[in-house]
């Protein structure tokens, strides 16, 4: 009888331990949360990469503006929407694009 009770005690302890592990893994800090955090980290890494590329593009544009008078003139003309006497300017109606 004592042997049977001991075996049942071990079985009950193992069942409780398994249940505890299941609850912990499915709980708020469990596997689903870890998977969501991993996805979130990947999205943030992609956003950081995109921002790094944008920063690099802007640095290149700034360097061009610093070093090239033609680039500065072009930027000023684009900002003010003014043209030189020998320039040809074509304005498209709003909402239309030339890509077909």
C-alpha atoms as a PDB file:
ATOM      1  CA  UNK A   1       0.000   0.000   0.000  1.00  0.00           C
ATOM      2  CA  UNK A   2       2.806   2.430   0.855  1.00  0.00           C
ATOM      3  CA  UNK A   3       4.494   1.692  -2.459  1.00  0.00           C
ATOM      4  CA  UNK A   4       1.291   2.468  -4.363  1.00  0.00           C
ATOM      5  CA  UNK A   5       0.785   5.762  -2.499  1.00  0.00           C
ATOM      6  CA  UNK A   6       4.384   6.744  -3.186  1.00  0.00           C
ATOM      7  CA  UNK A   7       3.928   6.002  -6.901  1.00  0.00           C
ATOM      8  CA  UNK A   8       0.705   8.018  -6.966  1.00  0.00           C
ATOM      9  CA  UNK A   9       2.500  10.875  -5.202  1.00  0.00           C
ATOM     10  CA  UNK A  10       5.239  10.881  -7.830  1.00  0.00           C
ATOM     11  CA  UNK A  11       2.667  10.752 -10.597  1.00  0.00           C
ATOM     12  CA  UNK A  12       0.713  13.632  -9.040  1.00  0.00           C
ATOM     13  CA  UNK A  13       3.905  15.696  -8.627  1.00  0.00           C
ATOM     14  CA  UNK A  14       4.844  15.031 -12.262  1.00  0.00           C
ATOM     15  CA  UNK A  15       1.342  16.010 -13.406  1.00  0.00           C
ATOM     16  CA  UNK A  16       1.455  19.243 -11.393  1.00  0.00           C
ATOM     17  CA  UNK A  17       4.914  20.046 -12.768  1.00  0.00           C
ATOM     18  CA  UNK A  18       3.733  19.415 -16.346  1.00  0.00           C
ATOM     19  CA  UNK A  19       0.672  21.582 -15.798  1.00  0.00           C
ATOM     20  CA  UNK A  20       2.830  24.357 -14.332  1.00  0.00           C
ATOM     21  CA  UNK A  21       5.208  24.231 -17.310  1.00  0.00           C
ATOM     22  CA  UNK A  22       2.247  24.352 -19.718  1.00  0.00           C
ATOM     23  CA  UNK A  23       0.703  27.356 -17.928  1.00  0.00           C
ATOM     24  CA  UNK A  24       4.034  29.202 -17.838  1.00  0.00           C
ATOM     25  CA  UNK A  25       4.744  28.601 -21.533  1.00  0.00           C
ATOM     26  CA  UNK A  26       1.241  29.679 -22.596  1.00  0.00           C
ATOM     27  CA  UNK A  27       1.077  32.618 -20.164  1.00  0.00           C
ATOM     28  CA  UNK A  28       1.808  36.301 -20.706  1.00  0.00           C
ATOM     29  CA  UNK A  29       5.584  35.750 -20.794  1.00  0.00           C
ATOM     30  CA  UNK A  30       5.433  32.491 -22.700  1.00  0.00           C
ATOM     31  CA  UNK A  31       6.223  31.344 -26.203  1.00  0.00           C
ATOM     32  CA  UNK A  32       3.555  33.394 -28.068  1.00  0.00           C
ATOM     33  CA  UNK A  33       4.881  36.573 -26.478  1.00  0.00           C
ATOM     34  CA  UNK A  34       8.452  35.648 -27.401  1.00  0.00           C
ATOM     35  CA  UNK A  35       7.401  35.060 -31.014  1.00  0.00           C
ATOM     36  CA  UNK A  36       5.598  38.415 -31.148  1.00  0.00           C
ATOM     37  CA  UNK A  37       8.634  40.177 -29.658  1.00  0.00           C
ATOM     38  CA  UNK A  38      10.861  38.562 -32.290  1.00  0.00           C
ATOM     39  CA  UNK A  39       8.561  39.812 -35.071  1.00  0.00           C
ATOM     40  CA  UNK A  40       8.562  43.251 -33.495  1.00  0.00           C
ATOM     41  CA  UNK A  41      12.380  43.267 -33.380  1.00  0.00           C
ATOM     42  CA  UNK A  42      12.557  42.295 -37.064  1.00  0.00           C
ATOM     43  CA  UNK A  43      10.176  45.131 -38.003  1.00  0.00           C
ATOM     44  CA  UNK A  44      12.259  47.609 -35.995  1.00  0.00           C
ATOM     45  CA  UNK A  45      15.468  46.387 -37.644  1.00  0.00           C
ATOM     46  CA  UNK A  46      13.881  46.910 -41.070  1.00  0.00           C
ATOM     47  CA  UNK A  47      12.744  50.397 -40.065  1.00  0.00           C
ATOM     48  CA  UNK A  48      16.259  51.210 -38.819  1.00  0.00           C
ATOM     49  CA  UNK A  49      17.775  50.005 -42.096  1.00  0.00           C
ATOM     50  CA  UNK A  50      15.325  52.139 -44.071  1.00  0.00           C
ATOM     51  CA  UNK A  51      16.147  55.169 -41.933  1.00  0.00           C
ATOM     52  CA  UNK A  52      19.889  54.593 -42.365  1.00  0.00           C
ATOM     53  CA  UNK A  53      19.425  54.544 -46.137  1.00  0.00           C
ATOM     54  CA  UNK A  54      17.392  57.754 -45.978  1.00  0.00           C
ATOM     55  CA  UNK A  55      20.071  59.420 -43.847  1.00  0.00           C
ATOM     56  CA  UNK A  56      22.764  58.356 -46.295  1.00  0.00           C
ATOM     57  CA  UNK A  57      20.720  59.665 -49.231  1.00  0.00           C
ATOM     58  CA  UNK A  58      20.248  63.017 -47.525  1.00  0.00           C
ATOM     59  CA  UNK A  59      23.939  63.253 -46.612  1.00  0.00           C
ATOM     60  CA  UNK A  60      24.815  62.656 -50.257  1.00  0.00           C
ATOM     61  CA  UNK A  61      22.365  65.357 -51.339  1.00  0.00           C
ATOM     62  CA  UNK A  62      23.816  67.793 -48.779  1.00  0.00           C
ATOM     63  CA  UNK A  63      27.349  67.062 -49.985  1.00  0.00           C
ATOM     64  CA  UNK A  64      26.265  67.710 -53.551  1.00  0.00           C
ATOM     65  CA  UNK A  65      24.679  71.001 -52.524  1.00  0.00           C
ATOM     66  CA  UNK A  66      27.840  72.012 -50.657  1.00  0.00           C
ATOM     67  CA  UNK A  67      30.189  71.169 -53.497  1.00  0.00           C
ATOM     68  CA  UNK A  68      28.269  71.882 -56.703  1.00  0.00           C
ATOM     69  CA  UNK A  69      26.972  75.270 -57.704  1.00  0.00           C
ATOM     70  CA  UNK A  70      24.827  73.631 -60.413  1.00  0.00           C
ATOM     71  CA  UNK A  71      23.128  71.479 -57.788  1.00  0.00           C
ATOM     72  CA  UNK A  72      22.517  74.544 -55.612  1.00  0.00           C
ATOM     73  CA  UNK A  73      21.051  76.481 -58.556  1.00  0.00           C
ATOM     74  CA  UNK A  74      18.806  73.565 -59.478  1.00  0.00           C
ATOM     75  CA  UNK A  75      17.617  73.197 -55.856  1.00  0.00           C
ATOM     76  CA  UNK A  76      16.835  76.900 -55.615  1.00  0.00           C
ATOM     77  CA  UNK A  77      14.914  76.825 -58.891  1.00  0.00           C
ATOM     78  CA  UNK A  78      12.908  73.802 -57.731  1.00  0.00           C
ATOM     79  CA  UNK A  79      12.119  75.414 -54.365  1.00  0.00           C
ATOM     80  CA  UNK A  80      11.103  78.773 -55.809  1.00  0.00           C
ATOM     81  CA  UNK A  81       9.523  77.289 -58.960  1.00  0.00           C
ATOM     82  CA  UNK A  82      11.391  79.801 -61.076  1.00  0.00           C
ATOM     83  CA  UNK A  83      13.362  79.140 -64.221  1.00  0.00           C
ATOM     84  CA  UNK A  84      16.191  80.819 -66.067  1.00  0.00           C
ATOM     85  CA  UNK A  85      15.493  82.519 -69.376  1.00  0.00           C
ATOM     86  CA  UNK A  86      16.730  79.587 -71.462  1.00  0.00           C
ATOM     87  CA  UNK A  87      14.980  76.852 -69.420  1.00  0.00           C
ATOM     88  CA  UNK A  88      11.870  75.061 -70.636  1.00  0.00           C
ATOM     89  CA  UNK A  89       9.385  74.206 -67.904  1.00  0.00           C
ATOM     90  CA  UNK A  90       6.461  71.827 -68.324  1.00  0.00           C
ATOM     91  CA  UNK A  91       3.752  71.769 -65.669  1.00  0.00           C
ATOM     92  CA  UNK A  92       1.439  68.775 -65.470  1.00  0.00           C
ATOM     93  CA  UNK A  93      -2.042  69.025 -63.984  1.00  0.00           C
ATOM     94  CA  UNK A  94      -2.361  67.800 -60.394  1.00  0.00           C
ATOM     95  CA  UNK A  95      -3.091  64.097 -60.006  1.00  0.00           C
ATOM     96  CA  UNK A  96      -1.703  63.022 -63.370  1.00  0.00           C
ATOM     97  CA  UNK A  97       1.474  61.053 -63.727  1.00  0.00           C
ATOM     98  CA  UNK A  98       3.471  60.307 -66.843  1.00  0.00           C
ATOM     99  CA  UNK A  99       4.016  56.638 -65.856  1.00  0.00           C
ATOM    100  CA  UNK A 100       1.776  54.283 -67.848  1.00  0.00           C
END
